[in-house]
Amino acid sequence: MKKLNLQRTDYLSWDEVFMATTKLYAMRSKDPNTQVGACIVKNNRILSIGYNGAPNGMSDDVFPWNREGGNLDTKYFFVVHAERNAILNYRGSRKDFEGATIYVDLFPCNECAKEIIQVGITEVVYLSDKYANTEGTIASKIMFDECGVKYRKFKEENRKNINIDLSK
């Protein structure tokens, strides 16, 4: 059979598809400062997605989105991180996460790192590591290294502006 080579050459790689999904889902976050998404994938299939936000049943209108103030006046005691939401949103067997990859906007905090490890996710692909020098991120990397979870930065050559037209 003769090969025709008529296929497109500008299609997205799997990494680009899953990171774009992560960024798209982050747009659901009501956080005025930091929007984070997470996409859990196995065998190039999306298992679950999540974004940072208020717990189910808590109104976003009364949620304290502040970054400064007392603990009960800021978002930090209340917000559910994107990685945790992606894990908790999954309705299948947690065994399905074994050997999976999680795509995230922001390198996971130490609390999310523990959950990623506990469910058996073995790779983290991240877009930004802006808190690399904080103790929480350093602890995440120590735990990932000790537990054999690989992590890698999304490749610069894969970074592109993707426009989606929802009017068609």
N, C-alpha and C. Protein backbone atom coordinates (compact mmCIF):
# COMPACT_ATOMS: atom_id res chain seq x y z
N MET A 1 0.84 -1.18 0.00
CA MET A 1 0.00 0.00 0.00
C MET A 1 0.89 1.25 0.00
N LYS A 2 0.58 2.18 -0.82
CA LYS A 2 1.36 3.41 -0.95
C LYS A 2 0.97 4.38 0.17
N LYS A 3 1.99 4.94 0.84
CA LYS A 3 1.77 5.90 1.91
C LYS A 3 1.57 7.28 1.29
N LEU A 4 0.49 7.97 1.67
CA LEU A 4 0.14 9.24 1.04
C LEU A 4 0.69 10.46 1.77
N ASN A 5 0.97 10.35 3.08
CA ASN A 5 1.49 11.47 3.87
C ASN A 5 0.63 12.73 3.77
N LEU A 6 -0.66 12.58 3.90
CA LEU A 6 -1.56 13.73 3.82
C LEU A 6 -1.97 14.26 5.19
N GLN A 7 -1.43 13.66 6.23
CA GLN A 7 -1.83 14.09 7.56
C GLN A 7 -1.24 15.46 7.91
N ARG A 8 -1.92 16.15 8.82
CA ARG A 8 -1.42 17.43 9.32
C ARG A 8 -0.10 17.23 10.04
N THR A 9 0.71 18.26 10.03
CA THR A 9 1.98 18.20 10.76
C THR A 9 1.99 19.14 11.96
N ASP A 10 0.96 19.97 12.09
CA ASP A 10 0.93 20.95 13.17
C ASP A 10 -0.01 20.54 14.32
N TYR A 11 -0.26 19.24 14.46
CA TYR A 11 -1.13 18.76 15.54
C TYR A 11 -0.39 18.84 16.87
N LEU A 12 -1.14 18.78 17.96
CA LEU A 12 -0.59 18.87 19.30
C LEU A 12 -0.02 17.53 19.75
N SER A 13 1.09 17.59 20.49
CA SER A 13 1.63 16.39 21.12
C SER A 13 0.72 16.04 22.31
N TRP A 14 0.88 14.83 22.85
CA TRP A 14 0.07 14.46 24.02
C TRP A 14 0.38 15.39 25.19
N ASP A 15 1.65 15.70 25.41
CA ASP A 15 1.99 16.63 26.49
C ASP A 15 1.28 17.97 26.31
N GLU A 16 1.22 18.47 25.08
CA GLU A 16 0.55 19.73 24.81
C GLU A 16 -0.95 19.64 25.06
N VAL A 17 -1.55 18.54 24.66
CA VAL A 17 -2.99 18.34 24.88
C VAL A 17 -3.30 18.34 26.38
N PHE A 18 -2.53 17.60 27.15
CA PHE A 18 -2.83 17.46 28.57
C PHE A 18 -2.50 18.73 29.35
N MET A 19 -1.43 19.44 28.96
CA MET A 19 -1.13 20.71 29.64
C MET A 19 -2.16 21.76 29.25
N ALA A 20 -2.61 21.75 28.00
CA ALA A 20 -3.66 22.68 27.58
C ALA A 20 -4.96 22.40 28.35
N THR A 21 -5.26 21.14 28.58
CA THR A 21 -6.44 20.77 29.37
C THR A 21 -6.30 21.28 30.79
N THR A 22 -5.10 21.16 31.33
CA THR A 22 -4.81 21.67 32.68
C THR A 22 -5.06 23.17 32.74
N LYS A 23 -4.53 23.90 31.76
CA LYS A 23 -4.70 25.36 31.72
C LYS A 23 -6.17 25.75 31.52
N LEU A 24 -6.87 25.01 30.69
CA LEU A 24 -8.28 25.29 30.44
C LEU A 24 -9.08 25.08 31.73
N TYR A 25 -8.83 23.99 32.42
CA TYR A 25 -9.57 23.70 33.64
C TYR A 25 -9.23 24.70 34.74
N ALA A 26 -8.00 25.22 34.75
CA ALA A 26 -7.61 26.24 35.73
C ALA A 26 -8.48 27.48 35.59
N MET A 27 -8.99 27.71 34.40
CA MET A 27 -9.83 28.88 34.17
C MET A 27 -11.17 28.81 34.91
N ARG A 28 -11.50 27.63 35.47
CA ARG A 28 -12.71 27.48 36.29
C ARG A 28 -12.51 28.05 37.69
N SER A 29 -11.26 28.22 38.12
CA SER A 29 -10.97 28.70 39.46
C SER A 29 -11.48 30.12 39.66
N LYS A 30 -12.08 30.37 40.81
CA LYS A 30 -12.55 31.71 41.15
C LYS A 30 -11.49 32.51 41.89
N ASP A 31 -10.35 31.89 42.17
CA ASP A 31 -9.26 32.56 42.89
C ASP A 31 -8.79 33.77 42.07
N PRO A 32 -8.84 34.97 42.64
CA PRO A 32 -8.44 36.15 41.88
C PRO A 32 -6.94 36.26 41.64
N ASN A 33 -6.13 35.48 42.35
CA ASN A 33 -4.68 35.59 42.23
C ASN A 33 -4.01 34.41 41.55
N THR A 34 -4.42 33.21 41.89
CA THR A 34 -3.74 32.02 41.39
C THR A 34 -4.76 31.01 40.89
N GLN A 35 -4.71 30.73 39.61
CA GLN A 35 -5.60 29.71 39.03
C GLN A 35 -4.73 28.51 38.65
N VAL A 36 -5.04 27.37 39.23
CA VAL A 36 -4.26 26.16 39.00
C VAL A 36 -5.18 25.05 38.54
N GLY A 37 -4.72 24.29 37.57
CA GLY A 37 -5.44 23.12 37.09
C GLY A 37 -4.57 21.88 37.24
N ALA A 38 -5.22 20.73 37.21
CA ALA A 38 -4.51 19.45 37.27
C ALA A 38 -5.26 18.45 36.39
N CYS A 39 -4.51 17.62 35.71
CA CYS A 39 -5.08 16.62 34.81
C CYS A 39 -4.32 15.32 35.02
N ILE A 40 -5.03 14.27 35.44
CA ILE A 40 -4.41 12.97 35.68
C ILE A 40 -4.65 12.09 34.46
N VAL A 41 -3.57 11.50 33.96
CA VAL A 41 -3.59 10.78 32.69
C VAL A 41 -2.90 9.43 32.82
N LYS A 42 -3.47 8.45 32.14
CA LYS A 42 -2.80 7.14 32.06
C LYS A 42 -3.05 6.59 30.66
N ASN A 43 -1.99 6.13 30.02
CA ASN A 43 -2.08 5.59 28.66
C ASN A 43 -2.74 6.59 27.70
N ASN A 44 -2.38 7.84 27.82
CA ASN A 44 -2.91 8.92 26.98
C ASN A 44 -4.42 9.08 27.07
N ARG A 45 -4.97 8.74 28.22
CA ARG A 45 -6.40 8.92 28.49
C ARG A 45 -6.55 9.70 29.78
N ILE A 46 -7.43 10.71 29.76
CA ILE A 46 -7.66 11.51 30.96
C ILE A 46 -8.51 10.71 31.94
N LEU A 47 -8.00 10.56 33.16
CA LEU A 47 -8.76 9.89 34.22
C LEU A 47 -9.57 10.90 35.02
N SER A 48 -8.96 12.05 35.33
CA SER A 48 -9.65 13.04 36.15
C SER A 48 -8.98 14.40 36.00
N ILE A 49 -9.75 15.43 36.31
CA ILE A 49 -9.24 16.79 36.27
C ILE A 49 -9.72 17.54 37.49
N GLY A 50 -9.03 18.63 37.84
CA GLY A 50 -9.43 19.44 38.98
C GLY A 50 -8.83 20.83 38.87
N TYR A 51 -9.34 21.73 39.70
CA TYR A 51 -8.80 23.08 39.79
C TYR A 51 -8.89 23.53 41.24
N ASN A 52 -8.14 24.59 41.58
CA ASN A 52 -8.17 25.07 42.96
C ASN A 52 -9.45 25.86 43.21
N GLY A 53 -10.12 25.52 44.30
CA GLY A 53 -11.36 26.20 44.61
C GLY A 53 -11.94 25.80 45.94
N ALA A 54 -13.12 26.32 46.18
CA ALA A 54 -13.84 26.05 47.42
C ALA A 54 -14.31 24.60 47.46
N PRO A 55 -14.43 24.03 48.65
CA PRO A 55 -14.97 22.67 48.76
C PRO A 55 -16.41 22.61 48.22
N ASN A 56 -16.80 21.44 47.74
CA ASN A 56 -18.18 21.24 47.27
C ASN A 56 -19.16 21.66 48.35
N GLY A 57 -20.15 22.42 47.95
CA GLY A 57 -21.18 22.85 48.89
C GLY A 57 -20.89 24.18 49.57
N MET A 58 -19.66 24.69 49.45
CA MET A 58 -19.33 25.98 50.04
C MET A 58 -19.45 27.03 48.94
N SER A 59 -20.24 28.03 49.18
CA SER A 59 -20.47 29.07 48.18
C SER A 59 -19.20 29.86 47.89
N ASP A 60 -18.90 30.03 46.62
CA ASP A 60 -17.76 30.85 46.22
C ASP A 60 -17.98 32.31 46.60
N ASP A 61 -19.25 32.69 46.80
CA ASP A 61 -19.57 34.07 47.15
C ASP A 61 -19.18 34.42 48.59
N VAL A 62 -19.15 33.43 49.47
CA VAL A 62 -18.77 33.69 50.86
C VAL A 62 -17.38 33.16 51.19
N PHE A 63 -16.73 32.60 50.19
CA PHE A 63 -15.38 32.06 50.37
C PHE A 63 -14.39 33.19 50.57
N PRO A 64 -13.51 33.10 51.56
CA PRO A 64 -12.52 34.17 51.79
C PRO A 64 -11.34 34.04 50.83
N TRP A 65 -11.34 34.78 49.75
CA TRP A 65 -10.28 34.69 48.74
C TRP A 65 -9.05 35.53 49.08
N ASN A 66 -9.04 36.14 50.26
CA ASN A 66 -7.92 37.00 50.66
C ASN A 66 -6.63 36.21 50.80
N ARG A 67 -5.52 36.89 50.56
CA ARG A 67 -4.19 36.29 50.74
C ARG A 67 -3.56 36.72 52.05
N GLU A 68 -4.07 37.80 52.63
CA GLU A 68 -3.50 38.32 53.87
C GLU A 68 -4.59 38.49 54.91
N GLY A 69 -4.19 38.34 56.18
CA GLY A 69 -5.12 38.48 57.29
C GLY A 69 -5.00 37.27 58.20
N GLY A 70 -5.93 37.15 59.11
CA GLY A 70 -5.95 36.00 60.00
C GLY A 70 -6.28 34.73 59.23
N ASN A 71 -5.92 33.59 59.79
CA ASN A 71 -6.12 32.31 59.11
C ASN A 71 -7.55 32.11 58.61
N LEU A 72 -8.53 32.50 59.41
CA LEU A 72 -9.92 32.28 59.03
C LEU A 72 -10.43 33.33 58.05
N ASP A 73 -9.62 34.33 57.79
CA ASP A 73 -10.00 35.39 56.85
C ASP A 73 -9.31 35.24 55.49
N THR A 74 -8.50 34.20 55.34
CA THR A 74 -7.78 33.98 54.08
C THR A 74 -8.21 32.66 53.46
N LYS A 75 -7.80 32.46 52.24
CA LYS A 75 -8.18 31.26 51.48
C LYS A 75 -7.44 30.01 51.94
N TYR A 76 -6.32 30.15 52.61
CA TYR A 76 -5.40 29.03 52.82
C TYR A 76 -5.96 27.89 53.67
N PHE A 77 -6.84 28.17 54.61
CA PHE A 77 -7.44 27.10 55.41
C PHE A 77 -8.58 26.41 54.67
N PHE A 78 -9.06 26.99 53.58
CA PHE A 78 -10.27 26.51 52.94
C PHE A 78 -10.10 25.96 51.54
N VAL A 79 -9.19 26.50 50.76
CA VAL A 79 -9.08 26.13 49.35
C VAL A 79 -8.65 24.66 49.19
N VAL A 80 -9.25 24.00 48.22
CA VAL A 80 -8.86 22.65 47.85
C VAL A 80 -7.96 22.78 46.62
N HIS A 81 -6.73 22.30 46.72
CA HIS A 81 -5.79 22.43 45.61
C HIS A 81 -6.23 21.59 44.41
N ALA A 82 -5.78 21.99 43.24
CA ALA A 82 -6.16 21.33 41.99
C ALA A 82 -5.81 19.85 41.99
N GLU A 83 -4.62 19.50 42.49
CA GLU A 83 -4.19 18.10 42.50
C GLU A 83 -5.12 17.27 43.38
N ARG A 84 -5.43 17.78 44.55
CA ARG A 84 -6.33 17.07 45.46
C ARG A 84 -7.72 16.95 44.84
N ASN A 85 -8.21 18.02 44.22
CA ASN A 85 -9.52 17.96 43.57
C ASN A 85 -9.53 16.91 42.47
N ALA A 86 -8.47 16.85 41.67
CA ALA A 86 -8.42 15.85 40.60
C ALA A 86 -8.46 14.44 41.18
N ILE A 87 -7.75 14.22 42.27
CA ILE A 87 -7.76 12.89 42.91
C ILE A 87 -9.14 12.60 43.50
N LEU A 88 -9.71 13.56 44.21
CA LEU A 88 -11.01 13.35 44.85
C LEU A 88 -12.17 13.29 43.87
N ASN A 89 -12.05 13.96 42.73
CA ASN A 89 -13.12 13.96 41.73
C ASN A 89 -13.25 12.62 41.00
N TYR A 90 -12.22 11.80 41.04
CA TYR A 90 -12.25 10.55 40.28
C TYR A 90 -13.28 9.60 40.87
N ARG A 91 -14.08 9.01 40.02
CA ARG A 91 -15.15 8.12 40.47
C ARG A 91 -14.85 6.65 40.25
N GLY A 92 -13.68 6.34 39.70
CA GLY A 92 -13.29 4.95 39.49
C GLY A 92 -12.47 4.43 40.66
N SER A 93 -11.79 3.34 40.42
CA SER A 93 -10.94 2.73 41.44
C SER A 93 -9.64 3.51 41.56
N ARG A 94 -9.22 3.77 42.77
CA ARG A 94 -7.96 4.48 42.98
C ARG A 94 -6.77 3.68 42.42
N LYS A 95 -6.94 2.38 42.24
CA LYS A 95 -5.88 1.57 41.64
C LYS A 95 -5.57 2.05 40.22
N ASP A 96 -6.54 2.68 39.57
CA ASP A 96 -6.33 3.19 38.22
C ASP A 96 -5.24 4.25 38.16
N PHE A 97 -4.97 4.90 39.30
CA PHE A 97 -3.94 5.95 39.33
C PHE A 97 -2.53 5.38 39.33
N GLU A 98 -2.38 4.10 39.65
CA GLU A 98 -1.04 3.51 39.72
C GLU A 98 -0.35 3.60 38.36
N GLY A 99 0.80 4.28 38.35
CA GLY A 99 1.55 4.46 37.12
C GLY A 99 1.08 5.62 36.26
N ALA A 100 0.17 6.43 36.77
CA ALA A 100 -0.37 7.57 36.01
C ALA A 100 0.56 8.78 36.09
N THR A 101 0.25 9.75 35.25
CA THR A 101 0.96 11.03 35.21
C THR A 101 -0.03 12.13 35.57
N ILE A 102 0.44 13.11 36.35
CA ILE A 102 -0.39 14.28 36.63
C ILE A 102 0.27 15.50 36.02
N TYR A 103 -0.52 16.25 35.26
CA TYR A 103 -0.09 17.52 34.66
C TYR A 103 -0.62 18.64 35.53
N VAL A 104 0.24 19.60 35.89
CA VAL A 104 -0.15 20.70 36.76
C VAL A 104 0.47 22.01 36.28
N ASP A 105 -0.25 23.10 36.54
CA ASP A 105 0.30 24.43 36.25
C ASP A 105 1.49 24.73 37.13
N LEU A 106 1.34 24.43 38.41
CA LEU A 106 2.27 24.84 39.44
C LEU A 106 2.80 23.59 40.16
N PHE A 107 4.11 23.55 40.42
CA PHE A 107 4.69 22.39 41.09
C PHE A 107 3.92 22.12 42.38
N PRO A 108 3.58 20.87 42.67
CA PRO A 108 2.74 20.54 43.82
C PRO A 108 3.36 20.90 45.17
N CYS A 109 2.51 21.37 46.07
CA CYS A 109 2.93 21.63 47.45
C CYS A 109 3.20 20.30 48.15
N ASN A 110 3.75 20.37 49.35
CA ASN A 110 4.08 19.15 50.09
C ASN A 110 2.85 18.32 50.44
N GLU A 111 1.71 18.97 50.72
CA GLU A 111 0.50 18.21 51.04
C GLU A 111 -0.03 17.46 49.82
N CYS A 112 -0.04 18.11 48.67
CA CYS A 112 -0.48 17.45 47.45
C CYS A 112 0.51 16.38 47.02
N ALA A 113 1.80 16.62 47.26
CA ALA A 113 2.82 15.61 46.93
C ALA A 113 2.54 14.31 47.67
N LYS A 114 2.16 14.41 48.94
CA LYS A 114 1.85 13.20 49.72
C LYS A 114 0.69 12.45 49.11
N GLU A 115 -0.34 13.17 48.67
CA GLU A 115 -1.50 12.51 48.08
C GLU A 115 -1.15 11.90 46.72
N ILE A 116 -0.35 12.59 45.95
CA ILE A 116 0.09 12.05 44.65
C ILE A 116 0.83 10.73 44.87
N ILE A 117 1.71 10.72 45.84
CA ILE A 117 2.47 9.50 46.16
C ILE A 117 1.54 8.39 46.65
N GLN A 118 0.64 8.74 47.56
CA GLN A 118 -0.24 7.74 48.16
C GLN A 118 -1.14 7.03 47.15
N VAL A 119 -1.58 7.73 46.10
CA VAL A 119 -2.47 7.09 45.13
C VAL A 119 -1.71 6.36 44.03
N GLY A 120 -0.39 6.48 44.00
CA GLY A 120 0.39 5.71 43.04
C GLY A 120 0.74 6.42 41.74
N ILE A 121 0.49 7.72 41.67
CA ILE A 121 0.92 8.49 40.49
C ILE A 121 2.44 8.50 40.46
N THR A 122 3.02 8.24 39.30
CA THR A 122 4.48 8.08 39.23
C THR A 122 5.20 9.17 38.45
N GLU A 123 4.45 10.13 37.88
CA GLU A 123 5.12 11.21 37.17
C GLU A 123 4.32 12.50 37.32
N VAL A 124 5.05 13.60 37.48
CA VAL A 124 4.46 14.94 37.57
C VAL A 124 5.07 15.77 36.45
N VAL A 125 4.22 16.36 35.62
CA VAL A 125 4.67 17.29 34.59
C VAL A 125 4.12 18.66 34.99
N TYR A 126 5.01 19.61 35.17
CA TYR A 126 4.60 20.92 35.67
C TYR A 126 5.02 22.03 34.72
N LEU A 127 4.28 23.12 34.77
CA LEU A 127 4.54 24.26 33.92
C LEU A 127 5.42 25.28 34.63
N SER A 128 5.12 25.55 35.90
CA SER A 128 5.85 26.56 36.66
C SER A 128 6.32 25.99 38.00
N ASP A 129 7.48 26.44 38.42
CA ASP A 129 8.03 26.07 39.73
C ASP A 129 8.40 27.35 40.47
N LYS A 130 7.46 28.31 40.48
CA LYS A 130 7.77 29.63 41.03
C LYS A 130 8.03 29.63 42.53
N TYR A 131 7.65 28.57 43.22
CA TYR A 131 7.93 28.48 44.66
C TYR A 131 9.04 27.47 44.95
N ALA A 132 9.94 27.28 44.00
CA ALA A 132 11.00 26.26 44.09
C ALA A 132 11.84 26.37 45.36
N ASN A 133 12.04 27.56 45.86
CA ASN A 133 12.92 27.74 47.01
C ASN A 133 12.19 27.74 48.35
N THR A 134 10.89 27.43 48.33
CA THR A 134 10.14 27.37 49.59
C THR A 134 10.31 25.98 50.22
N GLU A 135 10.16 25.92 51.52
CA GLU A 135 10.31 24.65 52.21
C GLU A 135 9.29 23.62 51.74
N GLY A 136 8.07 24.06 51.43
CA GLY A 136 7.04 23.13 50.98
C GLY A 136 7.41 22.46 49.67
N THR A 137 7.92 23.23 48.72
CA THR A 137 8.31 22.64 47.43
C THR A 137 9.56 21.79 47.57
N ILE A 138 10.49 22.23 48.39
CA ILE A 138 11.69 21.41 48.64
C ILE A 138 11.28 20.07 49.25
N ALA A 139 10.34 20.11 50.21
CA ALA A 139 9.85 18.86 50.82
C ALA A 139 9.17 17.98 49.77
N SER A 140 8.40 18.58 48.86
CA SER A 140 7.76 17.81 47.79
C SER A 140 8.80 17.05 46.99
N LYS A 141 9.86 17.74 46.60
CA LYS A 141 10.90 17.11 45.78
C LYS A 141 11.64 16.02 46.54
N ILE A 142 11.88 16.23 47.83
CA ILE A 142 12.51 15.19 48.65
C ILE A 142 11.63 13.94 48.67
N MET A 143 10.32 14.13 48.90
CA MET A 143 9.41 12.99 48.94
C MET A 143 9.32 12.31 47.58
N PHE A 144 9.19 13.09 46.51
CA PHE A 144 9.12 12.50 45.17
C PHE A 144 10.38 11.69 44.88
N ASP A 145 11.54 12.25 45.18
CA ASP A 145 12.81 11.55 44.94
C ASP A 145 12.89 10.25 45.74
N GLU A 146 12.52 10.33 47.01
CA GLU A 146 12.58 9.15 47.88
C GLU A 146 11.60 8.06 47.45
N CYS A 147 10.46 8.46 46.91
CA CYS A 147 9.40 7.50 46.56
C CYS A 147 9.40 7.13 45.07
N GLY A 148 10.35 7.64 44.31
CA GLY A 148 10.47 7.26 42.90
C GLY A 148 9.47 7.92 41.98
N VAL A 149 8.91 9.06 42.39
CA VAL A 149 8.01 9.80 41.51
C VAL A 149 8.86 10.75 40.67
N LYS A 150 8.80 10.56 39.36
CA LYS A 150 9.56 11.43 38.46
C LYS A 150 8.82 12.76 38.31
N TYR A 151 9.57 13.81 38.11
CA TYR A 151 8.96 15.10 37.82
C TYR A 151 9.80 15.79 36.76
N ARG A 152 9.08 16.48 35.87
CA ARG A 152 9.77 17.18 34.79
C ARG A 152 9.00 18.43 34.40
N LYS A 153 9.76 19.41 34.01
CA LYS A 153 9.18 20.67 33.55
C LYS A 153 8.67 20.47 32.12
N PHE A 154 7.51 21.02 31.84
CA PHE A 154 6.94 21.01 30.50
C PHE A 154 7.96 21.67 29.57
N LYS A 155 8.26 21.03 28.46
CA LYS A 155 9.32 21.48 27.56
C LYS A 155 9.02 22.85 26.96
N GLU A 156 10.04 23.69 26.97
CA GLU A 156 9.92 25.04 26.40
C GLU A 156 9.46 25.01 24.95
N GLU A 157 9.97 24.06 24.18
CA GLU A 157 9.60 24.01 22.75
C GLU A 157 8.14 23.63 22.54
N ASN A 158 7.48 23.09 23.59
CA ASN A 158 6.07 22.75 23.49
C ASN A 158 5.15 23.91 23.90
N ARG A 159 5.76 24.97 24.43
CA ARG A 159 4.95 26.11 24.88
C ARG A 159 4.48 26.90 23.67
N LYS A 160 3.18 27.04 23.57
CA LYS A 160 2.61 27.80 22.47
C LYS A 160 1.30 28.41 22.92
N ASN A 161 0.87 29.36 22.16
CA ASN A 161 -0.41 29.98 22.40
C ASN A 161 -1.46 29.21 21.61
N ILE A 162 -2.44 28.67 22.30
CA ILE A 162 -3.50 27.89 21.64
C ILE A 162 -4.80 28.67 21.77
N ASN A 163 -5.41 28.97 20.66
CA ASN A 163 -6.68 29.70 20.65
C ASN A 163 -7.81 28.73 20.35
N ILE A 164 -8.85 28.79 21.16
CA ILE A 164 -10.01 27.93 20.95
C ILE A 164 -11.20 28.82 20.69
N ASP A 165 -11.82 28.65 19.55
CA ASP A 165 -12.98 29.46 19.16
C ASP A 165 -14.25 28.68 19.50
N LEU A 166 -14.98 29.15 20.49
CA LEU A 166 -16.21 28.48 20.91
C LEU A 166 -17.45 29.01 20.18
N SER A 167 -17.23 29.87 19.21
CA SER A 167 -18.37 30.45 18.50
C SER A 167 -18.82 29.62 17.30
N LYS A 168 -18.07 28.61 16.95
CA LYS A 168 -18.40 27.81 15.76
C LYS A 168 -19.18 26.57 16.13
